[in-house]
PDB file of N, CA and C in Angstrom:
ATOM      1  N   MET A   1       0.844  -1.192   0.000  1.00  0.00           N
ATOM      2  CA  MET A   1       0.000   0.000   0.000  1.00  0.00           C
ATOM      3  C   MET A   1       0.885   1.249   0.000  1.00  0.00           C
ATOM      4  N   LYS A   2       0.501   2.203  -0.814  1.00  0.00           N
ATOM      5  CA  LYS A   2       1.262   3.440  -0.899  1.00  0.00           C
ATOM      6  C   LYS A   2       0.996   4.303   0.321  1.00  0.00           C
ATOM      7  N   GLN A   3       2.032   5.026   0.738  1.00  0.00           N
ATOM      8  CA  GLN A   3       1.891   5.918   1.885  1.00  0.00           C
ATOM      9  C   GLN A   3       1.195   7.200   1.455  1.00  0.00           C
ATOM     10  N   LYS A   4       0.188   7.590   2.221  1.00  0.00           N
ATOM     11  CA  LYS A   4      -0.497   8.854   1.948  1.00  0.00           C
ATOM     12  C   LYS A   4       0.255   9.964   2.677  1.00  0.00           C
ATOM     13  N   LEU A   5       0.600  11.001   1.932  1.00  0.00           N
ATOM     14  CA  LEU A   5       1.337  12.125   2.506  1.00  0.00           C
ATOM     15  C   LEU A   5       0.380  13.070   3.219  1.00  0.00           C
ATOM     16  N   SER A   6       0.837  13.691   4.295  1.00  0.00           N
ATOM     17  CA  SER A   6      -0.018  14.632   5.033  1.00  0.00           C
ATOM     18  C   SER A   6      -0.183  15.931   4.254  1.00  0.00           C
ATOM     19  N   LEU A   7      -1.304  16.603   4.477  1.00  0.00           N
ATOM     20  CA  LEU A   7      -1.548  17.883   3.805  1.00  0.00           C
ATOM     21  C   LEU A   7      -0.538  18.931   4.221  1.00  0.00           C
ATOM     22  N   ASP A   8      -0.082  18.888   5.472  1.00  0.00           N
ATOM     23  CA  ASP A   8       0.932  19.848   5.912  1.00  0.00           C
ATOM     24  C   ASP A   8       2.237  19.635   5.149  1.00  0.00           C
ATOM     25  N   PHE A   9       2.633  18.388   4.957  1.00  0.00           N
ATOM     26  CA  PHE A   9       3.841  18.087   4.193  1.00  0.00           C
ATOM     27  C   PHE A   9       3.699  18.578   2.757  1.00  0.00           C
ATOM     28  N   ILE A  10       2.563  18.270   2.136  1.00  0.00           N
ATOM     29  CA  ILE A  10       2.305  18.687   0.758  1.00  0.00           C
ATOM     30  C   ILE A  10       2.300  20.205   0.651  1.00  0.00           C
ATOM     31  N   ALA A  11       1.635  20.874   1.579  1.00  0.00           N
ATOM     32  CA  ALA A  11       1.576  22.344   1.547  1.00  0.00           C
ATOM     33  C   ALA A  11       2.970  22.947   1.660  1.00  0.00           C
ATOM     34  N   GLY A  12       3.817  22.350   2.479  1.00  0.00           N
ATOM     35  CA  GLY A  12       5.190  22.831   2.600  1.00  0.00           C
ATOM     36  C   GLY A  12       5.943  22.733   1.282  1.00  0.00           C
ATOM     37  N   LEU A  13       5.781  21.618   0.592  1.00  0.00           N
ATOM     38  CA  LEU A  13       6.424  21.470  -0.714  1.00  0.00           C
ATOM     39  C   LEU A  13       5.859  22.462  -1.727  1.00  0.00           C
ATOM     40  N   ILE A  14       4.553  22.671  -1.675  1.00  0.00           N
ATOM     41  CA  ILE A  14       3.923  23.594  -2.617  1.00  0.00           C
ATOM     42  C   ILE A  14       4.419  25.017  -2.389  1.00  0.00           C
ATOM     43  N   CYS A  15       4.674  25.391  -1.139  1.00  0.00           N
ATOM     44  CA  CYS A  15       5.201  26.727  -0.849  1.00  0.00           C
ATOM     45  C   CYS A  15       6.527  26.965  -1.571  1.00  0.00           C
ATOM     46  N   GLY A  16       7.320  25.911  -1.730  1.00  0.00           N
ATOM     47  CA  GLY A  16       8.611  26.064  -2.385  1.00  0.00           C
ATOM     48  C   GLY A  16       8.610  25.753  -3.869  1.00  0.00           C
ATOM     49  N   GLU A  17       7.782  24.811  -4.286  1.00  0.00           N
ATOM     50  CA  GLU A  17       7.879  24.305  -5.657  1.00  0.00           C
ATOM     51  C   GLU A  17       6.607  24.450  -6.486  1.00  0.00           C
ATOM     52  N   GLY A  18       5.495  24.814  -5.880  1.00  0.00           N
ATOM     53  CA  GLY A  18       4.232  24.877  -6.604  1.00  0.00           C
ATOM     54  C   GLY A  18       4.017  26.209  -7.287  1.00  0.00           C
ATOM     55  N   CYS A  19       3.032  26.236  -8.177  1.00  0.00           N
ATOM     56  CA  CYS A  19       2.705  27.457  -8.907  1.00  0.00           C
ATOM     57  C   CYS A  19       1.199  27.520  -9.149  1.00  0.00           C
ATOM     58  N   PHE A  20       0.628  28.672  -8.885  1.00  0.00           N
ATOM     59  CA  PHE A  20      -0.782  28.941  -9.173  1.00  0.00           C
ATOM     60  C   PHE A  20      -0.802  30.053 -10.214  1.00  0.00           C
ATOM     61  N   THR A  21      -1.340  29.772 -11.387  1.00  0.00           N
ATOM     62  CA  THR A  21      -1.284  30.745 -12.472  1.00  0.00           C
ATOM     63  C   THR A  21      -2.573  30.708 -13.282  1.00  0.00           C
ATOM     64  N   SER A  22      -2.738  31.685 -14.144  1.00  0.00           N
ATOM     65  CA  SER A  22      -3.862  31.704 -15.075  1.00  0.00           C
ATOM     66  C   SER A  22      -3.386  32.301 -16.388  1.00  0.00           C
ATOM     67  N   TYR A  23      -4.094  31.954 -17.446  1.00  0.00           N
ATOM     68  CA  TYR A  23      -3.767  32.470 -18.773  1.00  0.00           C
ATOM     69  C   TYR A  23      -5.021  32.455 -19.628  1.00  0.00           C
ATOM     70  N   ILE A  24      -4.973  33.217 -20.704  1.00  0.00           N
ATOM     71  CA  ILE A  24      -6.105  33.307 -21.627  1.00  0.00           C
ATOM     72  C   ILE A  24      -5.888  32.316 -22.761  1.00  0.00           C
ATOM     73  N   GLN A  25      -6.917  31.523 -23.038  1.00  0.00           N
ATOM     74  CA  GLN A  25      -6.870  30.558 -24.132  1.00  0.00           C
ATOM     75  C   GLN A  25      -7.913  30.962 -25.170  1.00  0.00           C
ATOM     76  N   ASN A  26      -7.569  30.867 -26.426  1.00  0.00           N
ATOM     77  CA  ASN A  26      -8.486  31.202 -27.529  1.00  0.00           C
ATOM     78  C   ASN A  26      -9.022  32.624 -27.419  1.00  0.00           C
ATOM     79  N   GLU A  27      -8.231  33.529 -26.922  1.00  0.00           N
ATOM     80  CA  GLU A  27      -8.533  34.957 -26.824  1.00  0.00           C
ATOM     81  C   GLU A  27      -9.741  35.301 -25.953  1.00  0.00           C
ATOM     82  N   LYS A  28     -10.305  34.329 -25.234  1.00  0.00           N
ATOM     83  CA  LYS A  28     -11.454  34.670 -24.387  1.00  0.00           C
ATOM     84  C   LYS A  28     -11.600  33.820 -23.131  1.00  0.00           C
ATOM     85  N   GLN A  29     -11.240  32.568 -23.160  1.00  0.00           N
ATOM     86  CA  GLN A  29     -11.437  31.697 -22.003  1.00  0.00           C
ATOM     87  C   GLN A  29     -10.227  31.763 -21.077  1.00  0.00           C
ATOM     88  N   LYS A  30     -10.476  32.078 -19.827  1.00  0.00           N
ATOM     89  CA  LYS A  30      -9.393  32.137 -18.851  1.00  0.00           C
ATOM     90  C   LYS A  30      -9.222  30.755 -18.223  1.00  0.00           C
ATOM     91  N   ILE A  31      -7.985  30.262 -18.242  1.00  0.00           N
ATOM     92  CA  ILE A  31      -7.650  28.960 -17.687  1.00  0.00           C
ATOM     93  C   ILE A  31      -6.889  29.177 -16.387  1.00  0.00           C
ATOM     94  N   PHE A  32      -7.318  28.517 -15.330  1.00  0.00           N
ATOM     95  CA  PHE A  32      -6.640  28.574 -14.039  1.00  0.00           C
ATOM     96  C   PHE A  32      -5.897  27.251 -13.863  1.00  0.00           C
ATOM     97  N   ALA A  33      -4.626  27.348 -13.520  1.00  0.00           N
ATOM     98  CA  ALA A  33      -3.805  26.148 -13.459  1.00  0.00           C
ATOM     99  C   ALA A  33      -2.980  26.109 -12.174  1.00  0.00           C
ATOM    100  N   PHE A  34      -2.835  24.908 -11.679  1.00  0.00           N
ATOM    101  CA  PHE A  34      -1.924  24.623 -10.578  1.00  0.00           C
ATOM    102  C   PHE A  34      -0.872  23.681 -11.130  1.00  0.00           C
ATOM    103  N   SER A  35       0.385  23.926 -10.814  1.00  0.00           N
ATOM    104  CA  SER A  35       1.419  23.003 -11.262  1.00  0.00           C
ATOM    105  C   SER A  35       2.482  22.816 -10.184  1.00  0.00           C
ATOM    106  N   LEU A  36       3.081  21.660 -10.243  1.00  0.00           N
ATOM    107  CA  LEU A  36       4.191  21.306  -9.365  1.00  0.00           C
ATOM    108  C   LEU A  36       5.285  20.742 -10.244  1.00  0.00           C
ATOM    109  N   LYS A  37       6.436  21.424 -10.268  1.00  0.00           N
ATOM    110  CA  LYS A  37       7.568  20.994 -11.092  1.00  0.00           C
ATOM    111  C   LYS A  37       8.751  20.709 -10.186  1.00  0.00           C
ATOM    112  N   MET A  38       9.359  19.537 -10.396  1.00  0.00           N
ATOM    113  CA  MET A  38      10.530  19.155  -9.614  1.00  0.00           C
ATOM    114  C   MET A  38      11.504  18.399 -10.516  1.00  0.00           C
ATOM    115  N   HIS A  39      12.716  18.203 -10.027  1.00  0.00           N
ATOM    116  CA  HIS A  39      13.711  17.426 -10.764  1.00  0.00           C
ATOM    117  C   HIS A  39      13.206  15.990 -10.892  1.00  0.00           C
ATOM    118  N   VAL A  40      13.593  15.343 -11.965  1.00  0.00           N
ATOM    119  CA  VAL A  40      13.108  13.988 -12.250  1.00  0.00           C
ATOM    120  C   VAL A  40      13.425  12.999 -11.124  1.00  0.00           C
ATOM    121  N   CYS A  41      14.465  13.252 -10.345  1.00  0.00           N
ATOM    122  CA  CYS A  41      14.770  12.327  -9.242  1.00  0.00           C
ATOM    123  C   CYS A  41      13.665  12.323  -8.188  1.00  0.00           C
ATOM    124  N   ASP A  42      12.785  13.337  -8.207  1.00  0.00           N
ATOM    125  CA  ASP A  42      11.656  13.404  -7.276  1.00  0.00           C
ATOM    126  C   ASP A  42      10.333  12.971  -7.907  1.00  0.00           C
ATOM    127  N   LYS A  43      10.410  12.216  -8.990  1.00  0.00           N
ATOM    128  CA  LYS A  43       9.189  11.781  -9.672  1.00  0.00           C
ATOM    129  C   LYS A  43       8.261  10.990  -8.746  1.00  0.00           C
ATOM    130  N   GLU A  44       8.820  10.074  -7.967  1.00  0.00           N
ATOM    131  CA  GLU A  44       7.984   9.286  -7.055  1.00  0.00           C
ATOM    132  C   GLU A  44       7.282  10.187  -6.036  1.00  0.00           C
ATOM    133  N   LEU A  45       7.959  11.232  -5.594  1.00  0.00           N
ATOM    134  CA  LEU A  45       7.351  12.181  -4.658  1.00  0.00           C
ATOM    135  C   LEU A  45       6.198  12.929  -5.313  1.00  0.00           C
ATOM    136  N   VAL A  46       6.389  13.383  -6.533  1.00  0.00           N
ATOM    137  CA  VAL A  46       5.318  14.095  -7.248  1.00  0.00           C
ATOM    138  C   VAL A  46       4.128  13.161  -7.460  1.00  0.00           C
ATOM    139  N   ILE A  47       4.381  11.920  -7.795  1.00  0.00           N
ATOM    140  CA  ILE A  47       3.303  10.933  -7.957  1.00  0.00           C
ATOM    141  C   ILE A  47       2.598  10.704  -6.622  1.00  0.00           C
ATOM    142  N   ALA A  48       3.364  10.625  -5.534  1.00  0.00           N
ATOM    143  CA  ALA A  48       2.756  10.439  -4.209  1.00  0.00           C
ATOM    144  C   ALA A  48       1.893  11.644  -3.829  1.00  0.00           C
ATOM    145  N   ILE A  49       2.314  12.835  -4.192  1.00  0.00           N
ATOM    146  CA  ILE A  49       1.505  14.040  -3.932  1.00  0.00           C
ATOM    147  C   ILE A  49       0.224  13.972  -4.738  1.00  0.00           C
ATOM    148  N   ARG A  50       0.339  13.661  -6.022  1.00  0.00           N
ATOM    149  CA  ARG A  50      -0.842  13.522  -6.874  1.00  0.00           C
ATOM    150  C   ARG A  50      -1.821  12.512  -6.276  1.00  0.00           C
ATOM    151  N   ASP A  51      -1.315  11.356  -5.900  1.00  0.00           N
ATOM    152  CA  ASP A  51      -2.176  10.303  -5.369  1.00  0.00           C
ATOM    153  C   ASP A  51      -2.776  10.700  -4.021  1.00  0.00           C
ATOM    154  N   SER A  52      -2.002  11.354  -3.173  1.00  0.00           N
ATOM    155  CA  SER A  52      -2.496  11.778  -1.860  1.00  0.00           C
ATOM    156  C   SER A  52      -3.603  12.817  -1.980  1.00  0.00           C
ATOM    157  N   LEU A  53      -3.539  13.635  -3.041  1.00  0.00           N
ATOM    158  CA  LEU A  53      -4.590  14.638  -3.273  1.00  0.00           C
ATOM    159  C   LEU A  53      -5.795  14.057  -4.013  1.00  0.00           C
ATOM    160  N   GLY A  54      -5.691  12.813  -4.450  1.00  0.00           N
ATOM    161  CA  GLY A  54      -6.794  12.178  -5.171  1.00  0.00           C
ATOM    162  C   GLY A  54      -6.926  12.664  -6.602  1.00  0.00           C
ATOM    163  N   LEU A  55      -5.814  13.094  -7.196  1.00  0.00           N
ATOM    164  CA  LEU A  55      -5.832  13.588  -8.572  1.00  0.00           C
ATOM    165  C   LEU A  55      -5.570  12.447  -9.546  1.00  0.00           C
ATOM    166  N   ARG A  56      -6.050  12.615 -10.778  1.00  0.00           N
ATOM    167  CA  ARG A  56      -5.836  11.600 -11.812  1.00  0.00           C
ATOM    168  C   ARG A  56      -4.937  12.103 -12.939  1.00  0.00           C
ATOM    169  N   GLU A  57      -4.502  13.343 -12.859  1.00  0.00           N
ATOM    170  CA  GLU A  57      -3.683  13.919 -13.906  1.00  0.00           C
ATOM    171  C   GLU A  57      -2.363  13.154 -14.029  1.00  0.00           C
ATOM    172  N   SER A  58      -1.822  13.155 -15.222  1.00  0.00           N
ATOM    173  CA  SER A  58      -0.545  12.487 -15.475  1.00  0.00           C
ATOM    174  C   SER A  58       0.606  13.339 -14.961  1.00  0.00           C
ATOM    175  N   VAL A  59       1.666  12.674 -14.581  1.00  0.00           N
ATOM    176  CA  VAL A  59       2.927  13.340 -14.247  1.00  0.00           C
ATOM    177  C   VAL A  59       3.806  13.190 -15.478  1.00  0.00           C
ATOM    178  N   HIS A  60       4.210  14.323 -16.057  1.00  0.00           N
ATOM    179  CA  HIS A  60       4.971  14.331 -17.302  1.00  0.00           C
ATOM    180  C   HIS A  60       6.444  14.620 -17.045  1.00  0.00           C
ATOM    181  N   GLU A  61       7.286  13.995 -17.836  1.00  0.00           N
ATOM    182  CA  GLU A  61       8.719  14.286 -17.821  1.00  0.00           C
ATOM    183  C   GLU A  61       9.041  15.185 -19.007  1.00  0.00           C
ATOM    184  N   TYR A  62       9.980  16.111 -18.815  1.00  0.00           N
ATOM    185  CA  TYR A  62      10.440  16.937 -19.921  1.00  0.00           C
ATOM    186  C   TYR A  62      11.828  17.483 -19.616  1.00  0.00           C
ATOM    187  N   PHE A  63      12.485  17.928 -20.670  1.00  0.00           N
ATOM    188  CA  PHE A  63      13.813  18.524 -20.556  1.00  0.00           C
ATOM    189  C   PHE A  63      13.711  20.007 -20.865  1.00  0.00           C
ATOM    190  N   HIS A  64      14.463  20.802 -20.117  1.00  0.00           N
ATOM    191  CA  HIS A  64      14.557  22.239 -20.384  1.00  0.00           C
ATOM    192  C   HIS A  64      15.963  22.689 -20.016  1.00  0.00           C
ATOM    193  N   GLN A  65      16.643  23.306 -20.965  1.00  0.00           N
ATOM    194  CA  GLN A  65      18.011  23.782 -20.769  1.00  0.00           C
ATOM    195  C   GLN A  65      18.902  22.695 -20.153  1.00  0.00           C
ATOM    196  N   GLU A  66      18.826  21.520 -20.764  1.00  0.00           N
ATOM    197  CA  GLU A  66      19.637  20.367 -20.372  1.00  0.00           C
ATOM    198  C   GLU A  66      19.341  19.846 -18.964  1.00  0.00           C
ATOM    199  N   ARG A  67      18.204  20.191 -18.424  1.00  0.00           N
ATOM    200  CA  ARG A  67      17.787  19.659 -17.123  1.00  0.00           C
ATOM    201  C   ARG A  67      16.548  18.796 -17.325  1.00  0.00           C
ATOM    202  N   HIS A  68      16.414  17.783 -16.506  1.00  0.00           N
ATOM    203  CA  HIS A  68      15.326  16.811 -16.621  1.00  0.00           C
ATOM    204  C   HIS A  68      14.342  17.038 -15.470  1.00  0.00           C
ATOM    205  N   TYR A  69      13.086  17.311 -15.807  1.00  0.00           N
ATOM    206  CA  TYR A  69      12.064  17.644 -14.818  1.00  0.00           C
ATOM    207  C   TYR A  69      10.866  16.707 -14.921  1.00  0.00           C
ATOM    208  N   VAL A  70      10.060  16.722 -13.861  1.00  0.00           N
ATOM    209  CA  VAL A  70       8.712  16.152 -13.899  1.00  0.00           C
ATOM    210  C   VAL A  70       7.755  17.267 -13.497  1.00  0.00           C
ATOM    211  N   VAL A  71       6.561  17.208 -14.057  1.00  0.00           N
ATOM    212  CA  VAL A  71       5.584  18.245 -13.751  1.00  0.00           C
ATOM    213  C   VAL A  71       4.192  17.622 -13.642  1.00  0.00           C
ATOM    214  N   LEU A  72       3.455  18.114 -12.683  1.00  0.00           N
ATOM    215  CA  LEU A  72       2.044  17.777 -12.500  1.00  0.00           C
ATOM    216  C   LEU A  72       1.258  19.048 -12.770  1.00  0.00           C
ATOM    217  N   ASN A  73       0.381  19.021 -13.764  1.00  0.00           N
ATOM    218  CA  ASN A  73      -0.441  20.182 -14.105  1.00  0.00           C
ATOM    219  C   ASN A  73      -1.910  19.862 -13.880  1.00  0.00           C
ATOM    220  N   VAL A  74      -2.618  20.798 -13.253  1.00  0.00           N
ATOM    221  CA  VAL A  74      -4.063  20.666 -13.044  1.00  0.00           C
ATOM    222  C   VAL A  74      -4.716  21.891 -13.662  1.00  0.00           C
ATOM    223  N   ARG A  75      -5.600  21.663 -14.656  1.00  0.00           N
ATOM    224  CA  ARG A  75      -6.267  22.768 -15.348  1.00  0.00           C
ATOM    225  C   ARG A  75      -7.788  22.633 -15.392  1.00  0.00           C
ATOM    226  N   LYS A  76      -8.317  21.481 -15.065  1.00  0.00           N
ATOM    227  CA  LYS A  76      -9.773  21.293 -15.135  1.00  0.00           C
ATOM    228  C   LYS A  76     -10.443  22.119 -14.045  1.00  0.00           C
ATOM    229  N   ARG A  77     -11.426  22.916 -14.442  1.00  0.00           N
ATOM    230  CA  ARG A  77     -12.085  23.830 -13.505  1.00  0.00           C
ATOM    231  C   ARG A  77     -12.684  23.095 -12.303  1.00  0.00           C
ATOM    232  N   ARG A  78     -13.307  21.976 -12.533  1.00  0.00           N
ATOM    233  CA  ARG A  78     -13.953  21.286 -11.404  1.00  0.00           C
ATOM    234  C   ARG A  78     -12.916  20.739 -10.423  1.00  0.00           C
ATOM    235  N   ILE A  79     -11.749  20.356 -10.919  1.00  0.00           N
ATOM    236  CA  ILE A  79     -10.682  19.877 -10.036  1.00  0.00           C
ATOM    237  C   ILE A  79     -10.075  21.047  -9.273  1.00  0.00           C
ATOM    238  N   VAL A  80      -9.861  22.160  -9.970  1.00  0.00           N
ATOM    239  CA  VAL A  80      -9.352  23.372  -9.309  1.00  0.00           C
ATOM    240  C   VAL A  80     -10.303  23.772  -8.189  1.00  0.00           C
ATOM    241  N   GLU A  81     -11.597  23.806  -8.492  1.00  0.00           N
ATOM    242  CA  GLU A  81     -12.589  24.280  -7.520  1.00  0.00           C
ATOM    243  C   GLU A  81     -12.854  23.288  -6.392  1.00  0.00           C
ATOM    244  N   ASN A  82     -12.884  21.998  -6.703  1.00  0.00           N
ATOM    245  CA  ASN A  82     -13.280  21.003  -5.703  1.00  0.00           C
ATOM    246  C   ASN A  82     -12.125  20.349  -4.950  1.00  0.00           C
ATOM    247  N   ILE A  83     -10.918  20.441  -5.490  1.00  0.00           N
ATOM    248  CA  ILE A  83      -9.777  19.812  -4.811  1.00  0.00           C
ATOM    249  C   ILE A  83      -8.679  20.817  -4.478  1.00  0.00           C
ATOM    250  N   ILE A  84      -8.178  21.528  -5.484  1.00  0.00           N
ATOM    251  CA  ILE A  84      -7.011  22.385  -5.273  1.00  0.00           C
ATOM    252  C   ILE A  84      -7.319  23.539  -4.321  1.00  0.00           C
ATOM    253  N   ILE A  85      -8.365  24.301  -4.584  1.00  0.00           N
ATOM    254  CA  ILE A  85      -8.679  25.456  -3.723  1.00  0.00           C
ATOM    255  C   ILE A  85      -8.984  25.016  -2.289  1.00  0.00           C
ATOM    256  N   PRO A  86      -9.880  24.056  -2.056  1.00  0.00           N
ATOM    257  CA  PRO A  86     -10.137  23.662  -0.662  1.00  0.00           C
ATOM    258  C   PRO A  86      -8.910  23.066   0.046  1.00  0.00           C
ATOM    259  N   THR A  87      -8.084  22.342  -0.686  1.00  0.00           N
ATOM    260  CA  THR A  87      -6.914  21.705  -0.078  1.00  0.00           C
ATOM    261  C   THR A  87      -5.910  22.728   0.438  1.00  0.00           C
ATOM    262  N   PHE A  88      -5.651  23.775  -0.337  1.00  0.00           N
ATOM    263  CA  PHE A  88      -4.600  24.717   0.025  1.00  0.00           C
ATOM    264  C   PHE A  88      -5.111  25.980   0.716  1.00  0.00           C
ATOM    265  N   ASN A  89      -6.414  26.135   0.813  1.00  0.00           N
ATOM    266  CA  ASN A  89      -6.985  27.305   1.483  1.00  0.00           C
ATOM    267  C   ASN A  89      -6.589  27.290   2.964  1.00  0.00           C
ATOM    268  N   GLY A  90      -5.844  28.313   3.394  1.00  0.00           N
ATOM    269  CA  GLY A  90      -5.420  28.416   4.783  1.00  0.00           C
ATOM    270  C   GLY A  90      -4.233  27.547   5.160  1.00  0.00           C
ATOM    271  N   LYS A  91      -3.606  26.882   4.172  1.00  0.00           N
ATOM    272  CA  LYS A  91      -2.494  25.971   4.470  1.00  0.00           C
ATOM    273  C   LYS A  91      -1.123  26.514   4.051  1.00  0.00           C
ATOM    274  N   LEU A  92      -1.090  27.569   3.253  1.00  0.00           N
ATOM    275  CA  LEU A  92       0.165  28.057   2.703  1.00  0.00           C
ATOM    276  C   LEU A  92       0.675  29.273   3.473  1.00  0.00           C
ATOM    277  N   PHE A  93       1.962  29.586   3.284  1.00  0.00           N
ATOM    278  CA  PHE A  93       2.593  30.698   3.997  1.00  0.00           C
ATOM    279  C   PHE A  93       3.431  31.531   3.037  1.00  0.00           C
ATOM    280  N   GLY A  94       3.738  32.744   3.469  1.00  0.00           N
ATOM    281  CA  GLY A  94       4.649  33.608   2.727  1.00  0.00           C
ATOM    282  C   GLY A  94       4.091  34.045   1.388  1.00  0.00           C
ATOM    283  N   MET A  95       5.003  34.201   0.424  1.00  0.00           N
ATOM    284  CA  MET A  95       4.613  34.659  -0.911  1.00  0.00           C
ATOM    285  C   MET A  95       3.676  33.681  -1.600  1.00  0.00           C
ATOM    286  N   LYS A  96       3.841  32.396  -1.363  1.00  0.00           N
ATOM    287  CA  LYS A  96       2.958  31.413  -2.003  1.00  0.00           C
ATOM    288  C   LYS A  96       1.527  31.572  -1.509  1.00  0.00           C
ATOM    289  N   LYS A  97       1.353  31.960  -0.240  1.00  0.00           N
ATOM    290  CA  LYS A  97       0.016  32.221   0.291  1.00  0.00           C
ATOM    291  C   LYS A  97      -0.610  33.400  -0.441  1.00  0.00           C
ATOM    292  N   LYS A  98       0.153  34.465  -0.643  1.00  0.00           N
ATOM    293  CA  LYS A  98      -0.361  35.650  -1.356  1.00  0.00           C
ATOM    294  C   LYS A  98      -0.693  35.303  -2.798  1.00  0.00           C
ATOM    295  N   GLN A  99       0.192  34.549  -3.452  1.00  0.00           N
ATOM    296  CA  GLN A  99      -0.056  34.139  -4.832  1.00  0.00           C
ATOM    297  C   GLN A  99      -1.328  33.297  -4.919  1.00  0.00           C
ATOM    298  N   PHE A 100      -1.471  32.344  -4.009  1.00  0.00           N
ATOM    299  CA  PHE A 100      -2.644  31.472  -4.003  1.00  0.00           C
ATOM    300  C   PHE A 100      -3.924  32.266  -3.762  1.00  0.00           C
ATOM    301  N   GLU A 101      -3.925  33.155  -2.772  1.00  0.00           N
ATOM    302  CA  GLU A 101      -5.134  33.911  -2.443  1.00  0.00           C
ATOM    303  C   GLU A 101      -5.579  34.796  -3.601  1.00  0.00           C
ATOM    304  N   LYS A 102      -4.650  35.429  -4.291  1.00  0.00           N
ATOM    305  CA  LYS A 102      -5.006  36.246  -5.462  1.00  0.00           C
ATOM    306  C   LYS A 102      -5.562  35.350  -6.561  1.00  0.00           C
ATOM    307  N   TRP A 103      -4.909  34.227  -6.807  1.00  0.00           N
ATOM    308  CA  TRP A 103      -5.351  33.273  -7.823  1.00  0.00           C
ATOM    309  C   TRP A 103      -6.749  32.744  -7.502  1.00  0.00           C
ATOM    310  N   ARG A 104      -6.962  32.367  -6.247  1.00  0.00           N
ATOM    311  CA  ARG A 104      -8.269  31.860  -5.802  1.00  0.00           C
ATOM    312  C   ARG A 104      -9.345  32.924  -5.982  1.00  0.00           C
ATOM    313  N   ASP A 105      -9.076  34.151  -5.547  1.00  0.00           N
ATOM    314  CA  ASP A 105     -10.047  35.234  -5.678  1.00  0.00           C
ATOM    315  C   ASP A 105     -10.352  35.533  -7.143  1.00  0.00           C
ATOM    316  N   ASP A 106      -9.319  35.529  -7.989  1.00  0.00           N
ATOM    317  CA  ASP A 106      -9.526  35.727  -9.430  1.00  0.00           C
ATOM    318  C   ASP A 106     -10.362  34.603 -10.017  1.00  0.00           C
ATOM    319  N   TYR A 107     -10.145  33.389  -9.539  1.00  0.00           N
ATOM    320  CA  TYR A 107     -10.925  32.244 -10.016  1.00  0.00           C
ATOM    321  C   TYR A 107     -12.414  32.470  -9.732  1.00  0.00           C
ATOM    322  N   TYR A 108     -12.749  32.855  -8.502  1.00  0.00           N
ATOM    323  CA  TYR A 108     -14.155  33.048  -8.145  1.00  0.00           C
ATOM    324  C   TYR A 108     -14.765  34.256  -8.850  1.00  0.00           C
ATOM    325  N   LYS A 109     -13.990  35.305  -9.090  1.00  0.00           N
ATOM    326  CA  LYS A 109     -14.500  36.446  -9.876  1.00  0.00           C
ATOM    327  C   LYS A 109     -14.811  35.995 -11.291  1.00  0.00           C
ATOM    328  N   ASP A 110     -13.909  35.230 -11.885  1.00  0.00           N
ATOM    329  CA  ASP A 110     -14.121  34.718 -13.235  1.00  0.00           C
ATOM    330  C   ASP A 110     -15.329  33.788 -13.276  1.00  0.00           C
ATOM    331  N   LYS A 111     -15.481  32.967 -12.261  1.00  0.00           N
ATOM    332  CA  LYS A 111     -16.626  32.054 -12.194  1.00  0.00           C
ATOM    333  C   LYS A 111     -17.942  32.837 -12.133  1.00  0.00           C
ATOM    334  N   ASP A 112     -17.966  33.905 -11.320  1.00  0.00           N
ATOM    335  CA  ASP A 112     -19.173  34.752 -11.231  1.00  0.00           C
ATOM    336  C   ASP A 112     -19.498  35.375 -12.575  1.00  0.00           C
ATOM    337  N   ILE A 113     -18.482  35.865 -13.261  1.00  0.00           N
ATOM    338  CA  ILE A 113     -18.705  36.466 -14.593  1.00  0.00           C
ATOM    339  C   ILE A 113     -19.228  35.436 -15.564  1.00  0.00           C
ATOM    340  N   ARG A 114     -18.659  34.241 -15.556  1.00  0.00           N
ATOM    341  CA  ARG A 114     -19.091  33.167 -16.464  1.00  0.00           C
ATOM    342  C   ARG A 114     -20.546  32.763 -16.194  1.00  0.00           C
ATOM    343  N   GLU A 115     -20.935  32.737 -14.918  1.00  0.00           N
ATOM    344  CA  GLU A 115     -22.296  32.322 -14.572  1.00  0.00           C
ATOM    345  C   GLU A 115     -23.332  33.389 -14.920  1.00  0.00           C
ATOM    346  N   ARG A 116     -22.919  34.656 -14.987  1.00  0.00           N
ATOM    347  CA  ARG A 116     -23.846  35.731 -15.329  1.00  0.00           C
ATOM    348  C   ARG A 116     -24.042  35.891 -16.830  1.00  0.00           C
ATOM    349  N   THR A 117     -23.128  35.333 -17.617  1.00  0.00           N
ATOM    350  CA  THR A 117     -23.237  35.509 -19.077  1.00  0.00           C
ATOM    351  C   THR A 117     -23.820  34.299 -19.734  1.00  0.00           C
TER     352      THR A 117
END
């Protein structure tokens, strides 16, 4: 049986290695994304984080500037809203907390706009 990682442990890693971002797709749809990128030697850790959060997204390997990385990307709105936001709400510290709170607030503003149109 795989070991389930604690949310405090995961939140600590996210403070250092995670990213909460958004971008415009097709000139109108705003995409909100959470990602975790680490060196390929930490692939098992990234997979354990994915599994501990109950995510089904793939962990991808890629090279950039002669370095080998793994990345977990979450872009589905229902996963962002039902897993990512509740999981990290009130769990992060420092600059990552500020980044997350702005991202979360922007997500809900965008959701309100989408529901009104």
